[in-house]
Amino acid sequence: MIVHTFLFRWKAGVAEDQKERAIREIQALQGKIPGLVETLVGRNISPRSQGYELGGVMKFANPANFEAYHDHPVHQRLLAWLMPLIDPVEVDFEI
């Protein structure tokens, strides 16, 4: 299983409705991406957040599913509007 983790810092001027849309659309990947076993996403409540306001974890059944996720059209549509709004950090590992 592959665990994909991410943290987002929002760029200046990002509106609350855009932040909410990001959460909804990341959650909506579940059931649309083959091999995506679990999706957890939410606002960071840590006092040690270092400015990262949103975090998430996605679990993929295997490395092939994780690799296919990157180019999946649903994921690419999300990235098209989301990437200009964020400063992301990603950590991926196998369990």
N, C-alpha and C. Protein backbone atom coordinates (compact mmCIF):
# COMPACT_ATOMS: atom_id res chain seq x y z
N MET A 1 0.85 -1.17 0.00
CA MET A 1 0.00 0.00 0.00
C MET A 1 0.89 1.24 0.00
N ILE A 2 0.47 2.26 -0.72
CA ILE A 2 1.18 3.53 -0.77
C ILE A 2 0.35 4.58 -0.03
N VAL A 3 1.00 5.34 0.85
CA VAL A 3 0.37 6.43 1.56
C VAL A 3 0.91 7.74 0.97
N HIS A 4 -0.01 8.56 0.51
CA HIS A 4 0.30 9.87 -0.08
C HIS A 4 -0.19 10.93 0.89
N THR A 5 0.73 11.75 1.40
CA THR A 5 0.37 12.81 2.33
C THR A 5 0.67 14.16 1.70
N PHE A 6 -0.11 15.16 2.07
CA PHE A 6 0.11 16.49 1.52
C PHE A 6 -0.30 17.56 2.51
N LEU A 7 0.37 18.70 2.40
CA LEU A 7 0.08 19.90 3.18
C LEU A 7 0.06 21.07 2.22
N PHE A 8 -0.88 22.00 2.44
CA PHE A 8 -0.98 23.18 1.58
C PHE A 8 -0.84 24.44 2.41
N ARG A 9 -0.02 25.35 1.93
CA ARG A 9 -0.06 26.75 2.34
C ARG A 9 -0.80 27.46 1.23
N TRP A 10 -1.78 28.25 1.58
CA TRP A 10 -2.53 29.01 0.57
C TRP A 10 -1.76 30.26 0.19
N LYS A 11 -1.76 30.59 -1.07
CA LYS A 11 -1.14 31.83 -1.52
C LYS A 11 -2.05 33.00 -1.16
N ALA A 12 -1.49 34.19 -1.15
CA ALA A 12 -2.25 35.40 -0.78
C ALA A 12 -3.47 35.56 -1.68
N GLY A 13 -4.57 35.93 -1.05
CA GLY A 13 -5.78 36.23 -1.80
C GLY A 13 -6.71 35.07 -2.06
N VAL A 14 -6.36 33.87 -1.60
CA VAL A 14 -7.24 32.72 -1.81
C VAL A 14 -8.46 32.87 -0.90
N ALA A 15 -9.64 32.78 -1.50
CA ALA A 15 -10.90 32.97 -0.78
C ALA A 15 -11.33 31.70 -0.05
N GLU A 16 -12.16 31.88 0.98
CA GLU A 16 -12.67 30.74 1.75
C GLU A 16 -13.43 29.75 0.86
N ASP A 17 -14.18 30.24 -0.12
CA ASP A 17 -14.92 29.31 -0.97
C ASP A 17 -13.97 28.46 -1.81
N GLN A 18 -12.81 28.99 -2.17
CA GLN A 18 -11.82 28.20 -2.90
C GLN A 18 -11.22 27.12 -1.99
N LYS A 19 -11.00 27.47 -0.74
CA LYS A 19 -10.47 26.49 0.22
C LYS A 19 -11.48 25.37 0.45
N GLU A 20 -12.74 25.73 0.59
CA GLU A 20 -13.80 24.72 0.76
C GLU A 20 -13.93 23.85 -0.49
N ARG A 21 -13.82 24.46 -1.65
CA ARG A 21 -13.88 23.70 -2.90
C ARG A 21 -12.75 22.67 -2.95
N ALA A 22 -11.56 23.07 -2.54
CA ALA A 22 -10.43 22.14 -2.54
C ALA A 22 -10.73 20.91 -1.68
N ILE A 23 -11.27 21.13 -0.49
CA ILE A 23 -11.61 20.01 0.39
C ILE A 23 -12.64 19.11 -0.26
N ARG A 24 -13.70 19.71 -0.80
CA ARG A 24 -14.76 18.92 -1.45
C ARG A 24 -14.24 18.12 -2.63
N GLU A 25 -13.43 18.75 -3.46
CA GLU A 25 -12.96 18.06 -4.66
C GLU A 25 -11.92 16.99 -4.35
N ILE A 26 -11.11 17.20 -3.33
CA ILE A 26 -10.17 16.14 -2.94
C ILE A 26 -10.95 14.95 -2.39
N GLN A 27 -11.95 15.22 -1.55
CA GLN A 27 -12.79 14.12 -1.03
C GLN A 27 -13.50 13.40 -2.17
N ALA A 28 -13.90 14.12 -3.19
CA ALA A 28 -14.64 13.55 -4.31
C ALA A 28 -13.78 12.66 -5.21
N LEU A 29 -12.47 12.66 -5.03
CA LEU A 29 -11.62 11.76 -5.80
C LEU A 29 -11.92 10.30 -5.44
N GLN A 30 -12.35 10.10 -4.18
CA GLN A 30 -12.69 8.76 -3.72
C GLN A 30 -13.80 8.18 -4.60
N GLY A 31 -13.59 7.00 -5.14
CA GLY A 31 -14.56 6.35 -6.00
C GLY A 31 -14.36 6.67 -7.48
N LYS A 32 -13.51 7.65 -7.77
CA LYS A 32 -13.24 8.02 -9.16
C LYS A 32 -11.86 7.60 -9.63
N ILE A 33 -10.96 7.35 -8.69
CA ILE A 33 -9.59 6.97 -9.01
C ILE A 33 -9.41 5.49 -8.66
N PRO A 34 -9.13 4.65 -9.64
CA PRO A 34 -8.95 3.22 -9.34
C PRO A 34 -7.82 2.99 -8.34
N GLY A 35 -8.10 2.16 -7.36
CA GLY A 35 -7.10 1.80 -6.36
C GLY A 35 -6.93 2.80 -5.24
N LEU A 36 -7.70 3.89 -5.25
CA LEU A 36 -7.67 4.84 -4.14
C LEU A 36 -8.56 4.27 -3.04
N VAL A 37 -7.92 3.78 -1.99
CA VAL A 37 -8.60 3.04 -0.93
C VAL A 37 -9.25 3.95 0.11
N GLU A 38 -8.57 5.05 0.44
CA GLU A 38 -9.07 5.94 1.48
C GLU A 38 -8.57 7.36 1.23
N THR A 39 -9.43 8.34 1.52
CA THR A 39 -9.07 9.74 1.38
C THR A 39 -9.50 10.49 2.64
N LEU A 40 -8.55 11.15 3.27
CA LEU A 40 -8.82 11.97 4.45
C LEU A 40 -8.23 13.35 4.18
N VAL A 41 -9.01 14.40 4.39
CA VAL A 41 -8.53 15.76 4.15
C VAL A 41 -9.25 16.72 5.08
N GLY A 42 -8.53 17.74 5.56
CA GLY A 42 -9.16 18.71 6.42
C GLY A 42 -8.24 19.86 6.77
N ARG A 43 -8.80 20.82 7.49
CA ARG A 43 -8.04 21.99 7.92
C ARG A 43 -7.07 21.59 9.04
N ASN A 44 -5.86 22.10 8.96
CA ASN A 44 -4.83 21.82 9.94
C ASN A 44 -5.14 22.59 11.23
N ILE A 45 -5.25 21.89 12.34
CA ILE A 45 -5.55 22.53 13.62
C ILE A 45 -4.32 22.57 14.54
N SER A 46 -3.18 22.15 14.05
CA SER A 46 -1.97 22.12 14.86
C SER A 46 -1.46 23.53 15.16
N PRO A 47 -1.05 23.78 16.41
CA PRO A 47 -0.44 25.08 16.71
C PRO A 47 0.98 25.19 16.13
N ARG A 48 1.50 24.08 15.60
CA ARG A 48 2.83 24.06 15.00
C ARG A 48 2.73 23.93 13.47
N SER A 49 1.71 24.51 12.88
CA SER A 49 1.39 24.30 11.47
C SER A 49 2.37 24.92 10.49
N GLN A 50 3.16 25.89 10.93
CA GLN A 50 4.12 26.60 10.08
C GLN A 50 3.44 27.17 8.83
N GLY A 51 2.17 27.55 8.96
CA GLY A 51 1.46 28.16 7.86
C GLY A 51 0.73 27.20 6.94
N TYR A 52 0.88 25.91 7.16
CA TYR A 52 0.18 24.92 6.35
C TYR A 52 -1.23 24.76 6.91
N GLU A 53 -2.21 25.18 6.14
CA GLU A 53 -3.58 25.25 6.62
C GLU A 53 -4.43 24.04 6.27
N LEU A 54 -4.01 23.26 5.29
CA LEU A 54 -4.81 22.11 4.86
C LEU A 54 -3.90 20.90 4.75
N GLY A 55 -4.38 19.76 5.20
CA GLY A 55 -3.59 18.54 5.10
C GLY A 55 -4.45 17.36 4.72
N GLY A 56 -3.79 16.34 4.21
CA GLY A 56 -4.54 15.16 3.84
C GLY A 56 -3.68 13.93 3.69
N VAL A 57 -4.38 12.80 3.67
CA VAL A 57 -3.76 11.49 3.49
C VAL A 57 -4.61 10.71 2.51
N MET A 58 -3.95 10.08 1.56
CA MET A 58 -4.64 9.19 0.62
C MET A 58 -3.89 7.86 0.64
N LYS A 59 -4.65 6.78 0.63
CA LYS A 59 -4.05 5.45 0.61
C LYS A 59 -4.39 4.77 -0.71
N PHE A 60 -3.36 4.24 -1.36
CA PHE A 60 -3.52 3.54 -2.63
C PHE A 60 -3.18 2.06 -2.45
N ALA A 61 -3.91 1.22 -3.13
CA ALA A 61 -3.76 -0.23 -2.97
C ALA A 61 -2.36 -0.72 -3.30
N ASN A 62 -1.72 -0.09 -4.29
CA ASN A 62 -0.39 -0.55 -4.70
C ASN A 62 0.33 0.56 -5.45
N PRO A 63 1.63 0.39 -5.71
CA PRO A 63 2.39 1.43 -6.40
C PRO A 63 1.85 1.75 -7.81
N ALA A 64 1.34 0.77 -8.52
CA ALA A 64 0.82 1.01 -9.87
C ALA A 64 -0.40 1.93 -9.82
N ASN A 65 -1.30 1.73 -8.86
CA ASN A 65 -2.46 2.62 -8.70
C ASN A 65 -2.01 4.04 -8.36
N PHE A 66 -1.01 4.15 -7.51
CA PHE A 66 -0.51 5.46 -7.14
C PHE A 66 0.09 6.18 -8.34
N GLU A 67 0.86 5.48 -9.13
CA GLU A 67 1.46 6.07 -10.33
C GLU A 67 0.39 6.50 -11.33
N ALA A 68 -0.64 5.69 -11.50
CA ALA A 68 -1.72 6.01 -12.44
C ALA A 68 -2.51 7.23 -11.98
N TYR A 69 -2.59 7.44 -10.69
CA TYR A 69 -3.32 8.57 -10.11
C TYR A 69 -2.78 9.90 -10.62
N HIS A 70 -1.46 10.01 -10.75
CA HIS A 70 -0.85 11.27 -11.16
C HIS A 70 -1.42 11.79 -12.47
N ASP A 71 -1.61 10.90 -13.44
CA ASP A 71 -2.07 11.31 -14.77
C ASP A 71 -3.57 11.13 -14.99
N HIS A 72 -4.28 10.66 -13.98
CA HIS A 72 -5.72 10.43 -14.15
C HIS A 72 -6.41 11.77 -14.47
N PRO A 73 -7.33 11.79 -15.44
CA PRO A 73 -7.98 13.04 -15.85
C PRO A 73 -8.68 13.79 -14.71
N VAL A 74 -9.30 13.08 -13.78
CA VAL A 74 -9.98 13.74 -12.65
C VAL A 74 -8.95 14.47 -11.77
N HIS A 75 -7.83 13.83 -11.52
CA HIS A 75 -6.77 14.45 -10.73
C HIS A 75 -6.18 15.65 -11.48
N GLN A 76 -5.97 15.50 -12.77
CA GLN A 76 -5.41 16.59 -13.57
C GLN A 76 -6.33 17.81 -13.60
N ARG A 77 -7.64 17.58 -13.65
CA ARG A 77 -8.60 18.71 -13.61
C ARG A 77 -8.51 19.45 -12.27
N LEU A 78 -8.37 18.70 -11.20
CA LEU A 78 -8.21 19.31 -9.88
C LEU A 78 -6.94 20.15 -9.84
N LEU A 79 -5.84 19.58 -10.29
CA LEU A 79 -4.56 20.29 -10.26
C LEU A 79 -4.57 21.56 -11.10
N ALA A 80 -5.31 21.55 -12.20
CA ALA A 80 -5.32 22.69 -13.11
C ALA A 80 -5.74 23.98 -12.42
N TRP A 81 -6.73 23.92 -11.55
CA TRP A 81 -7.16 25.14 -10.87
C TRP A 81 -6.53 25.30 -9.49
N LEU A 82 -6.14 24.17 -8.86
CA LEU A 82 -5.64 24.22 -7.49
C LEU A 82 -4.17 24.65 -7.39
N MET A 83 -3.31 24.17 -8.26
CA MET A 83 -1.87 24.42 -8.13
C MET A 83 -1.51 25.91 -8.08
N PRO A 84 -2.17 26.78 -8.84
CA PRO A 84 -1.83 28.21 -8.73
C PRO A 84 -2.17 28.83 -7.37
N LEU A 85 -2.96 28.13 -6.56
CA LEU A 85 -3.41 28.68 -5.28
C LEU A 85 -2.60 28.22 -4.08
N ILE A 86 -1.70 27.26 -4.27
CA ILE A 86 -1.05 26.62 -3.12
C ILE A 86 0.46 26.56 -3.22
N ASP A 87 1.06 26.41 -2.05
CA ASP A 87 2.46 26.06 -1.90
C ASP A 87 2.43 24.71 -1.19
N PRO A 88 2.55 23.60 -1.94
CA PRO A 88 2.36 22.28 -1.34
C PRO A 88 3.65 21.60 -0.89
N VAL A 89 3.47 20.67 0.03
CA VAL A 89 4.49 19.71 0.42
C VAL A 89 3.85 18.34 0.34
N GLU A 90 4.58 17.37 -0.23
CA GLU A 90 4.07 16.01 -0.34
C GLU A 90 5.09 15.03 0.22
N VAL A 91 4.60 14.01 0.89
CA VAL A 91 5.43 12.92 1.36
C VAL A 91 4.69 11.64 1.03
N ASP A 92 5.35 10.73 0.34
CA ASP A 92 4.74 9.46 -0.07
C ASP A 92 5.61 8.32 0.43
N PHE A 93 4.96 7.27 0.94
CA PHE A 93 5.74 6.13 1.43
C PHE A 93 4.91 4.86 1.31
N GLU A 94 5.64 3.76 1.31
CA GLU A 94 5.00 2.45 1.20
C GLU A 94 4.87 1.84 2.59
N ILE A 95 3.70 1.22 2.84
CA ILE A 95 3.52 0.52 4.11
C ILE A 95 3.15 -0.93 3.85
